[in-house]
């Protein structure tokens, strides 16, 4: 049976900024980085990055609906960032970096339940001026219907 899932991602993005210097200071905790001008392939098409991005993201996590899961999901990303608030803010101000959280929920054969943002999540996002984007997908799997 397919389970509802969520993946949380946090990114720092700007046109150009010294990402290598930032990585040296924050440590090797990113799950993905790229620079403005880097070439990548999507499908069979070669494309060029238009911004410099540093990202840390969670694995895809199953939702069990046990209460405070939304806090745990976000905390998996916030915990390694919490000691670096001052560093993040320094780069944010100096290079006009946008800090942003993405929460991508995928619900199978269900009405979309709510999600909760606890004060600790909001406080951390506020401390670094982060945007929080939430994506909700309702997925209907025909194979499970057979």
N, C-alpha and C. Protein backbone atom coordinates (compact mmCIF):
# COMPACT_ATOMS: atom_id res chain seq x y z
N UNK A 1 0.83 -1.19 0.00
CA UNK A 1 0.00 0.00 0.00
C UNK A 1 0.88 1.25 0.00
N UNK A 2 0.52 2.21 -0.81
CA UNK A 2 1.28 3.44 -0.88
C UNK A 2 0.99 4.31 0.34
N UNK A 3 2.02 4.95 0.85
CA UNK A 3 1.89 5.81 2.02
C UNK A 3 2.03 7.26 1.62
N UNK A 4 1.35 8.12 2.37
CA UNK A 4 1.54 9.56 2.20
C UNK A 4 2.96 9.91 2.61
N UNK A 5 3.57 10.86 1.88
CA UNK A 5 4.97 11.20 2.15
C UNK A 5 5.18 12.71 2.14
N UNK A 6 6.33 13.10 2.66
CA UNK A 6 6.74 14.49 2.63
C UNK A 6 8.26 14.53 2.44
N UNK A 7 8.72 15.57 1.77
CA UNK A 7 10.14 15.86 1.67
C UNK A 7 10.31 17.34 1.94
N UNK A 8 11.26 17.68 2.82
CA UNK A 8 11.54 19.06 3.19
C UNK A 8 12.90 19.44 2.59
N UNK A 9 12.94 20.65 2.03
CA UNK A 9 14.18 21.15 1.44
C UNK A 9 14.37 22.60 1.87
N UNK A 10 15.62 22.97 2.12
CA UNK A 10 15.95 24.35 2.44
C UNK A 10 17.04 24.79 1.48
N UNK A 11 16.84 25.94 0.84
CA UNK A 11 17.82 26.44 -0.12
C UNK A 11 18.17 27.89 0.15
N UNK A 12 19.39 28.23 -0.18
CA UNK A 12 19.86 29.61 -0.23
C UNK A 12 20.16 29.90 -1.68
N UNK A 13 19.52 30.92 -2.25
CA UNK A 13 19.67 31.18 -3.68
C UNK A 13 19.87 32.66 -3.96
N UNK A 14 20.75 32.95 -4.91
CA UNK A 14 20.98 34.31 -5.39
C UNK A 14 21.62 34.19 -6.77
N UNK A 15 21.62 35.30 -7.50
CA UNK A 15 22.24 35.27 -8.83
C UNK A 15 23.67 34.76 -8.74
N UNK A 16 24.48 35.43 -7.97
CA UNK A 16 25.89 35.05 -7.80
C UNK A 16 26.28 35.33 -6.37
N UNK A 17 26.97 34.40 -5.74
CA UNK A 17 27.51 34.61 -4.40
C UNK A 17 28.61 33.58 -4.16
N UNK A 18 29.54 33.84 -3.24
CA UNK A 18 30.69 32.94 -3.05
C UNK A 18 30.31 31.67 -2.29
N UNK A 19 29.68 30.75 -3.00
CA UNK A 19 29.16 29.54 -2.38
C UNK A 19 30.28 28.66 -1.82
N UNK A 20 31.43 28.61 -2.49
CA UNK A 20 32.55 27.79 -1.99
C UNK A 20 33.03 28.30 -0.63
N UNK A 21 33.09 29.59 -0.48
CA UNK A 21 33.48 30.21 0.79
C UNK A 21 32.45 29.86 1.87
N UNK A 22 31.16 29.93 1.53
CA UNK A 22 30.09 29.60 2.46
C UNK A 22 30.20 28.14 2.90
N UNK A 23 30.42 27.24 1.96
CA UNK A 23 30.55 25.81 2.26
C UNK A 23 31.73 25.57 3.20
N UNK A 24 32.82 26.25 2.97
CA UNK A 24 33.99 26.11 3.83
C UNK A 24 33.65 26.51 5.28
N UNK A 25 32.82 27.53 5.44
CA UNK A 25 32.46 28.01 6.78
C UNK A 25 31.38 27.17 7.45
N UNK A 26 30.38 26.73 6.69
CA UNK A 26 29.25 26.00 7.29
C UNK A 26 29.53 24.50 7.39
N UNK A 27 30.44 24.01 6.60
CA UNK A 27 30.75 22.58 6.58
C UNK A 27 30.05 21.89 5.43
N UNK A 28 30.34 20.62 5.31
CA UNK A 28 29.83 19.83 4.18
C UNK A 28 28.50 19.19 4.54
N UNK A 29 27.46 20.02 4.68
CA UNK A 29 26.14 19.49 5.04
C UNK A 29 25.14 19.61 3.89
N UNK A 30 25.53 20.23 2.81
CA UNK A 30 24.61 20.40 1.67
C UNK A 30 24.37 19.07 0.98
N UNK A 31 23.17 18.92 0.44
CA UNK A 31 22.87 17.76 -0.38
C UNK A 31 22.97 18.08 -1.87
N UNK A 32 22.97 19.39 -2.19
CA UNK A 32 23.11 19.81 -3.58
C UNK A 32 23.60 21.25 -3.62
N UNK A 33 24.51 21.54 -4.52
CA UNK A 33 24.96 22.90 -4.77
C UNK A 33 25.19 23.06 -6.27
N UNK A 34 24.97 24.26 -6.76
CA UNK A 34 25.35 24.57 -8.13
C UNK A 34 25.52 26.07 -8.27
N UNK A 35 26.22 26.45 -9.33
CA UNK A 35 26.55 27.85 -9.56
C UNK A 35 25.89 28.37 -10.83
N UNK A 36 25.64 29.65 -10.82
CA UNK A 36 25.14 30.34 -12.00
C UNK A 36 26.06 30.03 -13.17
N UNK A 37 25.49 29.56 -14.26
CA UNK A 37 26.28 29.24 -15.45
C UNK A 37 26.60 27.76 -15.58
N UNK A 38 26.45 26.97 -14.51
CA UNK A 38 26.69 25.53 -14.61
C UNK A 38 25.75 24.92 -15.64
N UNK A 39 26.24 23.93 -16.35
CA UNK A 39 25.46 23.22 -17.35
C UNK A 39 24.88 21.95 -16.72
N UNK A 40 23.61 21.66 -17.02
CA UNK A 40 22.99 20.42 -16.58
C UNK A 40 22.10 19.90 -17.69
N UNK A 41 21.73 18.64 -17.61
CA UNK A 41 20.89 18.02 -18.63
C UNK A 41 19.55 17.66 -18.02
N UNK A 42 18.48 18.12 -18.63
CA UNK A 42 17.12 17.75 -18.25
C UNK A 42 16.54 17.00 -19.42
N UNK A 43 16.21 15.74 -19.18
CA UNK A 43 15.76 14.85 -20.23
C UNK A 43 16.92 14.69 -21.21
N UNK A 44 16.81 15.21 -22.40
CA UNK A 44 17.92 15.14 -23.36
C UNK A 44 18.44 16.54 -23.70
N UNK A 45 17.89 17.53 -23.03
CA UNK A 45 18.22 18.93 -23.35
C UNK A 45 19.26 19.50 -22.40
N UNK A 46 20.30 20.10 -22.95
CA UNK A 46 21.33 20.75 -22.14
C UNK A 46 20.87 22.16 -21.76
N UNK A 47 20.96 22.46 -20.48
CA UNK A 47 20.50 23.77 -19.99
C UNK A 47 21.58 24.40 -19.11
N UNK A 48 21.39 25.68 -18.82
CA UNK A 48 22.36 26.42 -18.02
C UNK A 48 21.67 26.98 -16.78
N UNK A 49 22.32 26.82 -15.62
CA UNK A 49 21.77 27.35 -14.36
C UNK A 49 21.77 28.88 -14.42
N UNK A 50 20.74 29.50 -13.82
CA UNK A 50 20.61 30.95 -13.84
C UNK A 50 20.81 31.57 -12.47
N UNK A 51 21.16 30.74 -11.47
CA UNK A 51 21.43 31.25 -10.13
C UNK A 51 22.39 30.31 -9.42
N UNK A 52 22.92 30.76 -8.29
CA UNK A 52 23.79 29.96 -7.45
C UNK A 52 22.97 29.50 -6.25
N UNK A 53 22.96 28.19 -5.99
CA UNK A 53 22.08 27.63 -4.97
C UNK A 53 22.82 26.63 -4.09
N UNK A 54 22.57 26.74 -2.79
CA UNK A 54 23.05 25.80 -1.78
C UNK A 54 21.81 25.17 -1.16
N UNK A 55 21.72 23.83 -1.11
CA UNK A 55 20.52 23.14 -0.65
C UNK A 55 20.84 22.02 0.32
N UNK A 56 19.97 21.89 1.31
CA UNK A 56 19.97 20.72 2.18
C UNK A 56 18.54 20.18 2.16
N UNK A 57 18.39 18.86 1.93
CA UNK A 57 17.04 18.31 1.88
C UNK A 57 16.97 16.99 2.61
N UNK A 58 15.76 16.67 3.05
CA UNK A 58 15.53 15.40 3.74
C UNK A 58 15.29 14.30 2.72
N UNK A 59 15.31 13.09 3.21
CA UNK A 59 14.85 11.97 2.40
C UNK A 59 13.33 12.11 2.29
N UNK A 60 12.72 11.33 1.43
CA UNK A 60 11.27 11.27 1.39
C UNK A 60 10.84 10.49 2.63
N UNK A 61 9.98 11.11 3.46
CA UNK A 61 9.59 10.50 4.74
C UNK A 61 8.11 10.14 4.71
N UNK A 62 7.79 8.97 5.25
CA UNK A 62 6.39 8.52 5.32
C UNK A 62 5.68 9.25 6.45
N UNK A 63 4.44 9.62 6.21
CA UNK A 63 3.62 10.29 7.20
C UNK A 63 2.78 9.24 7.92
N UNK A 64 2.88 9.20 9.24
CA UNK A 64 2.13 8.21 10.02
C UNK A 64 0.97 8.84 10.78
N UNK A 65 0.85 10.16 10.77
CA UNK A 65 -0.23 10.89 11.46
C UNK A 65 -0.27 10.59 12.95
N UNK A 66 0.89 10.75 13.57
CA UNK A 66 1.00 10.46 15.00
C UNK A 66 0.99 11.72 15.85
N UNK A 67 0.78 12.88 15.27
CA UNK A 67 0.70 14.09 16.09
C UNK A 67 1.62 15.19 15.60
N UNK A 68 2.83 15.24 16.13
CA UNK A 68 3.74 16.36 15.86
C UNK A 68 4.74 16.05 14.75
N UNK A 69 4.35 15.25 13.79
CA UNK A 69 5.27 14.87 12.71
C UNK A 69 5.77 16.06 11.91
N UNK A 70 4.92 17.04 11.65
CA UNK A 70 5.37 18.19 10.87
C UNK A 70 6.57 18.85 11.53
N UNK A 71 6.58 18.92 12.85
CA UNK A 71 7.71 19.48 13.58
C UNK A 71 8.95 18.64 13.34
N UNK A 72 8.81 17.33 13.42
CA UNK A 72 9.95 16.43 13.22
C UNK A 72 10.50 16.53 11.80
N UNK A 73 9.61 16.63 10.82
CA UNK A 73 10.06 16.72 9.44
C UNK A 73 10.91 17.97 9.23
N UNK A 74 10.41 19.11 9.69
CA UNK A 74 11.17 20.36 9.54
C UNK A 74 12.43 20.34 10.40
N UNK A 75 12.35 19.78 11.58
CA UNK A 75 13.51 19.76 12.49
C UNK A 75 14.68 18.98 11.88
N UNK A 76 14.39 17.98 11.05
CA UNK A 76 15.47 17.22 10.40
C UNK A 76 16.34 18.12 9.53
N UNK A 77 15.78 19.21 9.03
CA UNK A 77 16.52 20.17 8.22
C UNK A 77 17.04 21.33 9.08
N UNK A 78 16.23 21.80 10.02
CA UNK A 78 16.58 22.97 10.83
C UNK A 78 17.74 22.67 11.79
N UNK A 79 17.78 21.48 12.37
CA UNK A 79 18.78 21.16 13.39
C UNK A 79 20.23 21.46 12.96
N UNK A 80 20.67 21.02 11.77
CA UNK A 80 22.05 21.34 11.39
C UNK A 80 22.27 22.81 11.01
N UNK A 81 21.18 23.55 10.77
CA UNK A 81 21.28 24.96 10.39
C UNK A 81 21.26 25.89 11.60
N UNK A 82 20.62 25.46 12.68
CA UNK A 82 20.41 26.32 13.84
C UNK A 82 21.70 26.97 14.37
N UNK A 83 22.84 26.26 14.44
CA UNK A 83 24.07 26.90 14.93
C UNK A 83 24.65 27.94 13.97
N UNK A 84 24.08 28.05 12.76
CA UNK A 84 24.67 28.91 11.72
C UNK A 84 23.77 30.09 11.34
N UNK A 85 22.86 30.48 12.20
CA UNK A 85 21.95 31.59 11.91
C UNK A 85 22.72 32.85 11.57
N UNK A 86 23.71 33.17 12.36
CA UNK A 86 24.50 34.40 12.12
C UNK A 86 25.21 34.34 10.77
N UNK A 87 25.78 33.20 10.44
CA UNK A 87 26.48 33.04 9.15
C UNK A 87 25.49 33.17 7.99
N UNK A 88 24.35 32.51 8.10
CA UNK A 88 23.33 32.60 7.04
C UNK A 88 22.89 34.05 6.85
N UNK A 89 22.64 34.73 7.95
CA UNK A 89 22.21 36.13 7.85
C UNK A 89 23.29 37.04 7.27
N UNK A 90 24.54 36.77 7.59
CA UNK A 90 25.64 37.55 7.02
C UNK A 90 25.64 37.44 5.49
N UNK A 91 25.58 36.20 4.99
CA UNK A 91 25.58 36.00 3.54
C UNK A 91 24.29 36.53 2.91
N UNK A 92 23.19 36.34 3.59
CA UNK A 92 21.90 36.82 3.08
C UNK A 92 21.94 38.33 2.85
N UNK A 93 22.43 39.06 3.83
CA UNK A 93 22.47 40.52 3.72
C UNK A 93 23.52 41.00 2.73
N UNK A 94 24.67 40.38 2.74
CA UNK A 94 25.77 40.84 1.88
C UNK A 94 25.53 40.54 0.40
N UNK A 95 24.85 39.41 0.10
CA UNK A 95 24.71 38.98 -1.29
C UNK A 95 23.26 38.89 -1.76
N UNK A 96 22.32 39.43 -0.98
CA UNK A 96 20.89 39.40 -1.34
C UNK A 96 20.41 37.98 -1.63
N UNK A 97 20.76 37.08 -0.74
CA UNK A 97 20.37 35.67 -0.87
C UNK A 97 18.95 35.49 -0.35
N UNK A 98 18.20 34.65 -1.01
CA UNK A 98 16.85 34.29 -0.57
C UNK A 98 16.89 32.93 0.11
N UNK A 99 16.59 32.89 1.43
CA UNK A 99 16.45 31.59 2.10
C UNK A 99 15.01 31.11 1.94
N UNK A 100 14.84 29.83 1.58
CA UNK A 100 13.49 29.33 1.32
C UNK A 100 13.37 27.86 1.71
N UNK A 101 12.29 27.54 2.40
CA UNK A 101 11.92 26.16 2.70
C UNK A 101 10.89 25.71 1.68
N UNK A 102 11.01 24.46 1.24
CA UNK A 102 10.01 23.83 0.40
C UNK A 102 9.55 22.57 1.14
N UNK A 103 8.28 22.45 1.38
CA UNK A 103 7.71 21.22 1.95
C UNK A 103 6.81 20.63 0.89
N UNK A 104 7.13 19.44 0.42
CA UNK A 104 6.36 18.81 -0.66
C UNK A 104 5.67 17.56 -0.10
N UNK A 105 4.37 17.69 0.09
CA UNK A 105 3.54 16.60 0.59
C UNK A 105 2.89 15.88 -0.58
N UNK A 106 2.87 14.55 -0.52
CA UNK A 106 2.20 13.72 -1.54
C UNK A 106 1.20 12.81 -0.83
N UNK A 107 -0.07 12.96 -1.16
CA UNK A 107 -1.13 12.19 -0.52
C UNK A 107 -1.74 11.23 -1.54
N UNK A 108 -1.86 9.94 -1.16
CA UNK A 108 -2.40 8.91 -2.04
C UNK A 108 -3.82 8.58 -1.64
N UNK A 109 -4.74 8.67 -2.56
CA UNK A 109 -6.12 8.24 -2.37
C UNK A 109 -6.74 8.79 -1.09
N UNK A 110 -6.48 10.01 -0.81
CA UNK A 110 -7.02 10.59 0.42
C UNK A 110 -7.33 12.05 0.20
N UNK A 111 -8.25 12.55 0.97
CA UNK A 111 -8.42 13.98 0.97
C UNK A 111 -7.20 14.55 1.67
N UNK A 112 -6.76 15.68 1.20
CA UNK A 112 -5.54 16.26 1.73
C UNK A 112 -5.73 16.72 3.17
N UNK A 113 -5.03 16.07 4.11
CA UNK A 113 -5.09 16.53 5.49
C UNK A 113 -4.31 17.83 5.65
N UNK A 114 -4.45 18.46 6.78
CA UNK A 114 -3.72 19.69 7.01
C UNK A 114 -2.29 19.43 7.41
N UNK A 115 -1.53 20.49 7.45
CA UNK A 115 -0.17 20.41 7.98
C UNK A 115 -0.05 21.54 8.99
N UNK A 116 0.88 21.39 9.91
CA UNK A 116 0.99 22.34 11.00
C UNK A 116 2.40 22.91 11.05
N UNK A 117 2.49 24.23 11.21
CA UNK A 117 3.77 24.89 11.43
C UNK A 117 3.86 25.31 12.89
N UNK A 118 4.73 24.67 13.62
CA UNK A 118 4.91 24.95 15.04
C UNK A 118 5.70 26.23 15.24
N UNK A 119 5.57 26.86 16.42
CA UNK A 119 6.30 28.10 16.69
C UNK A 119 7.81 27.99 16.48
N UNK A 120 8.39 26.84 16.77
CA UNK A 120 9.85 26.66 16.59
C UNK A 120 10.24 26.78 15.11
N UNK A 121 9.38 26.28 14.24
CA UNK A 121 9.65 26.36 12.80
C UNK A 121 9.52 27.81 12.34
N UNK A 122 8.44 28.45 12.75
CA UNK A 122 8.19 29.84 12.37
C UNK A 122 9.28 30.75 12.92
N UNK A 123 9.71 30.51 14.17
CA UNK A 123 10.76 31.33 14.79
C UNK A 123 12.06 31.21 14.01
N UNK A 124 12.45 29.98 13.68
CA UNK A 124 13.69 29.80 12.91
C UNK A 124 13.59 30.49 11.55
N UNK A 125 12.49 30.28 10.85
CA UNK A 125 12.31 30.90 9.53
C UNK A 125 12.37 32.42 9.66
N UNK A 126 11.77 32.95 10.72
CA UNK A 126 11.79 34.41 10.95
C UNK A 126 13.21 34.91 11.23
N UNK A 127 13.98 34.15 11.99
CA UNK A 127 15.34 34.56 12.35
C UNK A 127 16.23 34.74 11.12
N UNK A 128 15.95 34.00 10.06
CA UNK A 128 16.77 34.13 8.85
C UNK A 128 15.98 34.73 7.69
N UNK A 129 14.77 35.15 7.96
CA UNK A 129 13.94 35.76 6.91
C UNK A 129 13.59 34.80 5.80
N UNK A 130 13.30 33.55 6.14
CA UNK A 130 13.03 32.53 5.12
C UNK A 130 11.57 32.50 4.70
N UNK A 131 11.36 32.20 3.45
CA UNK A 131 10.05 31.94 2.87
C UNK A 131 9.75 30.46 3.14
N UNK A 132 8.48 30.12 3.33
CA UNK A 132 8.08 28.72 3.46
C UNK A 132 7.06 28.44 2.37
N UNK A 133 7.43 27.60 1.40
CA UNK A 133 6.51 27.17 0.34
C UNK A 133 6.05 25.76 0.66
N UNK A 134 4.75 25.52 0.57
CA UNK A 134 4.18 24.20 0.82
C UNK A 134 3.48 23.74 -0.45
N UNK A 135 3.84 22.56 -0.91
CA UNK A 135 3.23 21.97 -2.10
C UNK A 135 2.45 20.73 -1.66
N UNK A 136 1.21 20.62 -2.08
CA UNK A 136 0.36 19.48 -1.74
C UNK A 136 -0.08 18.80 -3.02
N UNK A 137 0.24 17.52 -3.15
CA UNK A 137 -0.17 16.74 -4.32
C UNK A 137 -1.08 15.61 -3.87
N UNK A 138 -2.21 15.47 -4.53
CA UNK A 138 -3.08 14.32 -4.33
C UNK A 138 -2.81 13.38 -5.49
N UNK A 139 -2.35 12.18 -5.17
CA UNK A 139 -1.96 11.23 -6.21
C UNK A 139 -2.94 10.06 -6.20
N UNK A 140 -3.47 9.76 -7.36
CA UNK A 140 -4.37 8.62 -7.51
C UNK A 140 -3.63 7.58 -8.32
N UNK A 141 -3.40 6.43 -7.72
CA UNK A 141 -2.64 5.36 -8.35
C UNK A 141 -3.60 4.31 -8.86
N UNK A 142 -3.72 4.18 -10.19
CA UNK A 142 -4.66 3.25 -10.78
C UNK A 142 -4.33 1.78 -10.48
N UNK A 143 -3.04 1.45 -10.32
CA UNK A 143 -2.66 0.06 -10.06
C UNK A 143 -3.26 -0.43 -8.75
N UNK A 144 -3.33 0.44 -7.77
CA UNK A 144 -3.87 0.05 -6.47
C UNK A 144 -5.37 -0.18 -6.53
N UNK A 145 -6.03 0.34 -7.53
CA UNK A 145 -7.46 0.22 -7.68
C UNK A 145 -7.87 -1.12 -8.31
N UNK A 146 -6.90 -1.84 -8.86
CA UNK A 146 -7.20 -3.09 -9.57
C UNK A 146 -7.40 -4.25 -8.62
